[in-house]
Amino acid sequence: MGERAFCARVAATEAERLRGLRGEGPLAPGEGLLLPFPVEDEICIVNDGVSFALDVAYADAAGQVVAIERRLPANDGTPRCHAPVRDVLEVAAGELDGVSVGDTLSR
């Protein structure tokens, strides 16, 4: 796949990661939220309280995408858990079309 670039806000603190995109309006094409975690572990993402569908990429400490969740429905509280994960990128549904497991997520 070719290189893709997103302008992602960083949720640097635990509180920012827990809040995620709740209460915000839809993301524009090319926008996202990067959730960097302090250690590589199993990470679970839910889309409850978010009014729009998301694509989510999960990457390990080396930046390799280990899982992708596509088109998570708005206000869906179902946990999607993957490991080993250190960084999570949330973007609008459809934005990760063409991205595959094994691709690299770089900051």
N, C-alpha and C. Protein backbone atom coordinates (compact mmCIF):
# COMPACT_ATOMS: atom_id res chain seq x y z
N MET A 1 0.85 -1.18 0.00
CA MET A 1 0.00 0.00 0.00
C MET A 1 0.88 1.23 0.00
N GLY A 2 0.42 2.32 -0.57
CA GLY A 2 1.14 3.58 -0.53
C GLY A 2 1.01 4.24 0.82
N GLU A 3 1.78 5.28 1.02
CA GLU A 3 1.76 5.96 2.31
C GLU A 3 0.50 6.80 2.45
N ARG A 4 -0.08 6.78 3.64
CA ARG A 4 -1.26 7.59 3.97
C ARG A 4 -0.88 8.49 5.13
N ALA A 5 -1.37 9.72 5.12
CA ALA A 5 -1.08 10.65 6.21
C ALA A 5 -2.38 11.11 6.83
N PHE A 6 -2.37 11.20 8.16
CA PHE A 6 -3.51 11.71 8.91
C PHE A 6 -3.02 12.81 9.83
N CYS A 7 -3.81 13.83 9.98
CA CYS A 7 -3.53 14.87 10.97
C CYS A 7 -4.28 14.42 12.24
N ALA A 8 -3.52 13.87 13.17
CA ALA A 8 -4.15 13.27 14.35
C ALA A 8 -3.82 14.05 15.61
N ARG A 9 -4.87 14.36 16.34
CA ARG A 9 -4.70 14.91 17.69
C ARG A 9 -4.22 13.77 18.58
N VAL A 10 -3.38 14.06 19.55
CA VAL A 10 -2.84 13.03 20.43
C VAL A 10 -3.54 13.09 21.78
N ALA A 11 -4.06 11.95 22.20
CA ALA A 11 -4.65 11.81 23.53
C ALA A 11 -3.53 11.29 24.44
N ALA A 12 -2.77 12.21 25.02
CA ALA A 12 -1.53 11.86 25.72
C ALA A 12 -1.74 11.36 27.15
N THR A 13 -2.82 11.77 27.79
CA THR A 13 -3.04 11.39 29.19
C THR A 13 -4.08 10.28 29.28
N GLU A 14 -4.11 9.61 30.42
CA GLU A 14 -5.12 8.56 30.62
C GLU A 14 -6.53 9.13 30.50
N ALA A 15 -6.77 10.30 31.05
CA ALA A 15 -8.09 10.92 30.97
C ALA A 15 -8.47 11.22 29.52
N GLU A 16 -7.52 11.70 28.73
CA GLU A 16 -7.80 11.99 27.32
C GLU A 16 -8.07 10.70 26.55
N ARG A 17 -7.34 9.63 26.87
CA ARG A 17 -7.58 8.35 26.20
C ARG A 17 -8.95 7.79 26.58
N LEU A 18 -9.34 7.91 27.83
CA LEU A 18 -10.66 7.42 28.26
C LEU A 18 -11.79 8.20 27.61
N ARG A 19 -11.61 9.50 27.45
CA ARG A 19 -12.63 10.34 26.81
C ARG A 19 -12.72 10.04 25.32
N GLY A 20 -11.56 9.87 24.68
CA GLY A 20 -11.54 9.57 23.25
C GLY A 20 -12.27 10.62 22.45
N LEU A 21 -13.19 10.19 21.62
CA LEU A 21 -13.95 11.09 20.74
C LEU A 21 -15.37 11.32 21.23
N ARG A 22 -15.66 10.92 22.46
CA ARG A 22 -17.02 11.11 23.00
C ARG A 22 -17.39 12.58 23.01
N GLY A 23 -18.60 12.86 22.56
CA GLY A 23 -19.12 14.22 22.59
C GLY A 23 -18.62 15.11 21.47
N GLU A 24 -17.82 14.57 20.56
CA GLU A 24 -17.30 15.38 19.46
C GLU A 24 -18.07 15.12 18.19
N GLY A 25 -17.96 16.05 17.26
CA GLY A 25 -18.58 15.88 15.96
C GLY A 25 -17.76 14.95 15.09
N PRO A 26 -18.31 14.56 13.95
CA PRO A 26 -17.59 13.65 13.05
C PRO A 26 -16.23 14.19 12.64
N LEU A 27 -15.31 13.27 12.40
CA LEU A 27 -13.98 13.63 11.91
C LEU A 27 -14.04 13.89 10.41
N ALA A 28 -13.29 14.87 9.96
CA ALA A 28 -13.17 15.15 8.54
C ALA A 28 -12.20 14.15 7.91
N PRO A 29 -12.26 13.98 6.60
CA PRO A 29 -11.28 13.11 5.95
C PRO A 29 -9.85 13.55 6.30
N GLY A 30 -9.02 12.57 6.64
CA GLY A 30 -7.63 12.86 6.98
C GLY A 30 -7.40 13.24 8.43
N GLU A 31 -8.47 13.38 9.22
CA GLU A 31 -8.33 13.69 10.65
C GLU A 31 -8.41 12.41 11.47
N GLY A 32 -7.81 12.45 12.66
CA GLY A 32 -7.88 11.29 13.53
C GLY A 32 -7.52 11.62 14.95
N LEU A 33 -7.58 10.60 15.78
CA LEU A 33 -7.15 10.69 17.18
C LEU A 33 -6.17 9.55 17.42
N LEU A 34 -4.97 9.89 17.86
CA LEU A 34 -3.96 8.91 18.20
C LEU A 34 -3.96 8.72 19.71
N LEU A 35 -4.08 7.47 20.13
CA LEU A 35 -4.05 7.13 21.55
C LEU A 35 -2.78 6.32 21.82
N PRO A 36 -1.72 6.98 22.27
CA PRO A 36 -0.50 6.25 22.61
C PRO A 36 -0.58 5.77 24.06
N PHE A 37 -0.30 4.51 24.28
CA PHE A 37 -0.34 3.94 25.63
C PHE A 37 1.09 3.80 26.14
N PRO A 38 1.29 3.90 27.46
CA PRO A 38 2.65 3.90 28.01
C PRO A 38 3.40 2.58 27.83
N VAL A 39 2.66 1.47 27.75
CA VAL A 39 3.30 0.17 27.54
C VAL A 39 2.47 -0.64 26.55
N GLU A 40 3.13 -1.56 25.90
CA GLU A 40 2.44 -2.46 24.97
C GLU A 40 1.66 -3.47 25.79
N ASP A 41 0.37 -3.66 25.46
CA ASP A 41 -0.49 -4.53 26.24
C ASP A 41 -1.72 -4.87 25.40
N GLU A 42 -2.68 -5.59 26.00
CA GLU A 42 -3.97 -5.75 25.36
C GLU A 42 -4.74 -4.45 25.54
N ILE A 43 -5.24 -3.90 24.45
CA ILE A 43 -5.98 -2.64 24.49
C ILE A 43 -7.37 -2.90 23.94
N CYS A 44 -8.38 -2.39 24.65
CA CYS A 44 -9.78 -2.52 24.23
C CYS A 44 -10.34 -1.14 23.92
N ILE A 45 -11.03 -1.04 22.80
CA ILE A 45 -11.65 0.21 22.37
C ILE A 45 -13.16 -0.03 22.25
N VAL A 46 -13.94 0.94 22.71
CA VAL A 46 -15.39 0.94 22.52
C VAL A 46 -15.76 2.25 21.83
N ASN A 47 -16.91 2.25 21.20
CA ASN A 47 -17.35 3.46 20.49
C ASN A 47 -18.62 4.04 21.12
N ASP A 48 -18.86 3.71 22.40
CA ASP A 48 -20.04 4.26 23.07
C ASP A 48 -19.86 5.75 23.32
N GLY A 49 -20.93 6.50 23.14
CA GLY A 49 -20.87 7.95 23.34
C GLY A 49 -20.29 8.70 22.16
N VAL A 50 -19.94 7.99 21.10
CA VAL A 50 -19.42 8.63 19.89
C VAL A 50 -20.52 8.56 18.84
N SER A 51 -20.86 9.70 18.25
CA SER A 51 -22.03 9.80 17.39
C SER A 51 -21.77 9.44 15.93
N PHE A 52 -20.61 8.87 15.64
CA PHE A 52 -20.29 8.53 14.25
C PHE A 52 -19.47 7.23 14.23
N ALA A 53 -19.48 6.57 13.09
CA ALA A 53 -18.76 5.31 12.93
C ALA A 53 -17.26 5.56 12.77
N LEU A 54 -16.46 4.59 13.23
CA LEU A 54 -15.00 4.72 13.20
C LEU A 54 -14.34 3.53 12.53
N ASP A 55 -13.15 3.78 11.99
CA ASP A 55 -12.17 2.75 11.68
C ASP A 55 -11.07 2.90 12.72
N VAL A 56 -10.52 1.79 13.20
CA VAL A 56 -9.51 1.83 14.25
C VAL A 56 -8.35 0.91 13.87
N ALA A 57 -7.13 1.48 13.90
CA ALA A 57 -5.91 0.68 13.67
C ALA A 57 -5.19 0.52 15.00
N TYR A 58 -4.75 -0.70 15.28
CA TYR A 58 -4.01 -1.04 16.49
C TYR A 58 -2.57 -1.38 16.07
N ALA A 59 -1.59 -0.73 16.69
CA ALA A 59 -0.19 -0.98 16.31
C ALA A 59 0.64 -1.36 17.53
N ASP A 60 1.64 -2.21 17.31
CA ASP A 60 2.53 -2.62 18.40
C ASP A 60 3.61 -1.57 18.63
N ALA A 61 4.53 -1.86 19.54
CA ALA A 61 5.57 -0.89 19.91
C ALA A 61 6.49 -0.55 18.75
N ALA A 62 6.60 -1.42 17.76
CA ALA A 62 7.43 -1.15 16.58
C ALA A 62 6.66 -0.37 15.52
N GLY A 63 5.37 -0.12 15.76
CA GLY A 63 4.55 0.62 14.81
C GLY A 63 3.86 -0.26 13.79
N GLN A 64 4.00 -1.57 13.89
CA GLN A 64 3.36 -2.47 12.94
C GLN A 64 1.88 -2.64 13.30
N VAL A 65 1.01 -2.45 12.31
CA VAL A 65 -0.43 -2.63 12.52
C VAL A 65 -0.70 -4.11 12.76
N VAL A 66 -1.27 -4.42 13.94
CA VAL A 66 -1.55 -5.80 14.31
C VAL A 66 -3.03 -6.15 14.15
N ALA A 67 -3.89 -5.13 14.06
CA ALA A 67 -5.32 -5.37 13.88
C ALA A 67 -5.98 -4.09 13.37
N ILE A 68 -7.07 -4.28 12.65
CA ILE A 68 -7.88 -3.15 12.19
C ILE A 68 -9.34 -3.50 12.43
N GLU A 69 -10.06 -2.58 13.04
CA GLU A 69 -11.51 -2.71 13.19
C GLU A 69 -12.13 -1.68 12.25
N ARG A 70 -12.99 -2.13 11.37
CA ARG A 70 -13.57 -1.24 10.36
C ARG A 70 -15.04 -0.98 10.65
N ARG A 71 -15.41 0.26 10.48
CA ARG A 71 -16.80 0.70 10.55
C ARG A 71 -17.48 0.30 11.86
N LEU A 72 -16.82 0.61 12.98
CA LEU A 72 -17.46 0.42 14.28
C LEU A 72 -18.68 1.33 14.32
N PRO A 73 -19.85 0.80 14.60
CA PRO A 73 -21.06 1.63 14.59
C PRO A 73 -21.03 2.72 15.67
N ALA A 74 -21.69 3.81 15.38
CA ALA A 74 -21.85 4.89 16.36
C ALA A 74 -22.50 4.33 17.62
N ASN A 75 -22.08 4.85 18.77
CA ASN A 75 -22.67 4.50 20.07
C ASN A 75 -22.65 3.00 20.37
N ASP A 76 -21.63 2.30 19.90
CA ASP A 76 -21.50 0.86 20.12
C ASP A 76 -20.56 0.62 21.30
N GLY A 77 -21.05 0.01 22.36
CA GLY A 77 -20.25 -0.24 23.54
C GLY A 77 -19.55 -1.59 23.55
N THR A 78 -19.57 -2.31 22.42
CA THR A 78 -18.91 -3.61 22.35
C THR A 78 -17.40 -3.43 22.38
N PRO A 79 -16.69 -4.03 23.34
CA PRO A 79 -15.23 -3.89 23.37
C PRO A 79 -14.57 -4.65 22.22
N ARG A 80 -13.61 -3.99 21.59
CA ARG A 80 -12.77 -4.62 20.57
C ARG A 80 -11.35 -4.63 21.13
N CYS A 81 -10.86 -5.80 21.49
CA CYS A 81 -9.58 -5.93 22.19
C CYS A 81 -8.55 -6.61 21.30
N HIS A 82 -7.33 -6.09 21.35
CA HIS A 82 -6.23 -6.67 20.58
C HIS A 82 -4.94 -6.53 21.37
N ALA A 83 -4.00 -7.42 21.09
CA ALA A 83 -2.67 -7.38 21.71
C ALA A 83 -1.68 -7.98 20.72
N PRO A 84 -0.45 -7.61 20.80
CA PRO A 84 0.17 -6.56 21.62
C PRO A 84 -0.03 -5.21 20.96
N VAL A 85 -0.50 -4.24 21.72
CA VAL A 85 -0.80 -2.91 21.18
C VAL A 85 -0.18 -1.84 22.05
N ARG A 86 0.38 -0.81 21.41
CA ARG A 86 0.84 0.37 22.13
C ARG A 86 0.15 1.63 21.62
N ASP A 87 -0.13 1.69 20.31
CA ASP A 87 -0.77 2.87 19.73
C ASP A 87 -2.07 2.48 19.04
N VAL A 88 -3.07 3.35 19.18
CA VAL A 88 -4.35 3.16 18.52
C VAL A 88 -4.65 4.43 17.73
N LEU A 89 -5.04 4.28 16.48
CA LEU A 89 -5.43 5.41 15.64
C LEU A 89 -6.90 5.27 15.30
N GLU A 90 -7.70 6.28 15.68
CA GLU A 90 -9.12 6.29 15.36
C GLU A 90 -9.36 7.34 14.27
N VAL A 91 -10.06 6.91 13.21
CA VAL A 91 -10.39 7.81 12.10
C VAL A 91 -11.82 7.53 11.67
N ALA A 92 -12.37 8.38 10.83
CA ALA A 92 -13.73 8.19 10.35
C ALA A 92 -13.84 6.88 9.57
N ALA A 93 -15.01 6.26 9.64
CA ALA A 93 -15.25 5.01 8.94
C ALA A 93 -14.91 5.16 7.46
N GLY A 94 -14.19 4.17 6.95
CA GLY A 94 -13.79 4.17 5.55
C GLY A 94 -12.40 4.72 5.30
N GLU A 95 -11.87 5.46 6.27
CA GLU A 95 -10.56 6.10 6.09
C GLU A 95 -9.41 5.09 6.08
N LEU A 96 -9.62 3.90 6.63
CA LEU A 96 -8.55 2.90 6.63
C LEU A 96 -8.70 1.89 5.51
N ASP A 97 -9.61 2.15 4.57
CA ASP A 97 -9.70 1.28 3.40
C ASP A 97 -8.35 1.29 2.72
N GLY A 98 -7.83 0.14 2.40
CA GLY A 98 -6.51 0.03 1.78
C GLY A 98 -5.38 -0.16 2.78
N VAL A 99 -5.65 0.04 4.06
CA VAL A 99 -4.64 -0.21 5.10
C VAL A 99 -4.80 -1.68 5.52
N SER A 100 -3.66 -2.34 5.74
CA SER A 100 -3.69 -3.76 6.07
C SER A 100 -2.88 -4.06 7.33
N VAL A 101 -3.21 -5.17 7.98
CA VAL A 101 -2.37 -5.69 9.04
C VAL A 101 -0.98 -5.89 8.46
N GLY A 102 0.04 -5.47 9.21
CA GLY A 102 1.41 -5.55 8.75
C GLY A 102 1.95 -4.22 8.23
N ASP A 103 1.06 -3.30 7.87
CA ASP A 103 1.50 -1.95 7.48
C ASP A 103 2.10 -1.28 8.71
N THR A 104 2.78 -0.17 8.50
CA THR A 104 3.44 0.54 9.61
C THR A 104 2.70 1.82 9.92
N LEU A 105 2.47 2.05 11.21
CA LEU A 105 1.90 3.30 11.70
C LEU A 105 3.06 4.10 12.27
N SER A 106 3.35 5.23 11.68
CA SER A 106 4.45 6.06 12.19
C SER A 106 3.88 7.37 12.66
N ARG A 107 4.54 7.90 13.68
CA ARG A 107 4.07 9.15 14.28
C ARG A 107 4.73 10.32 13.58
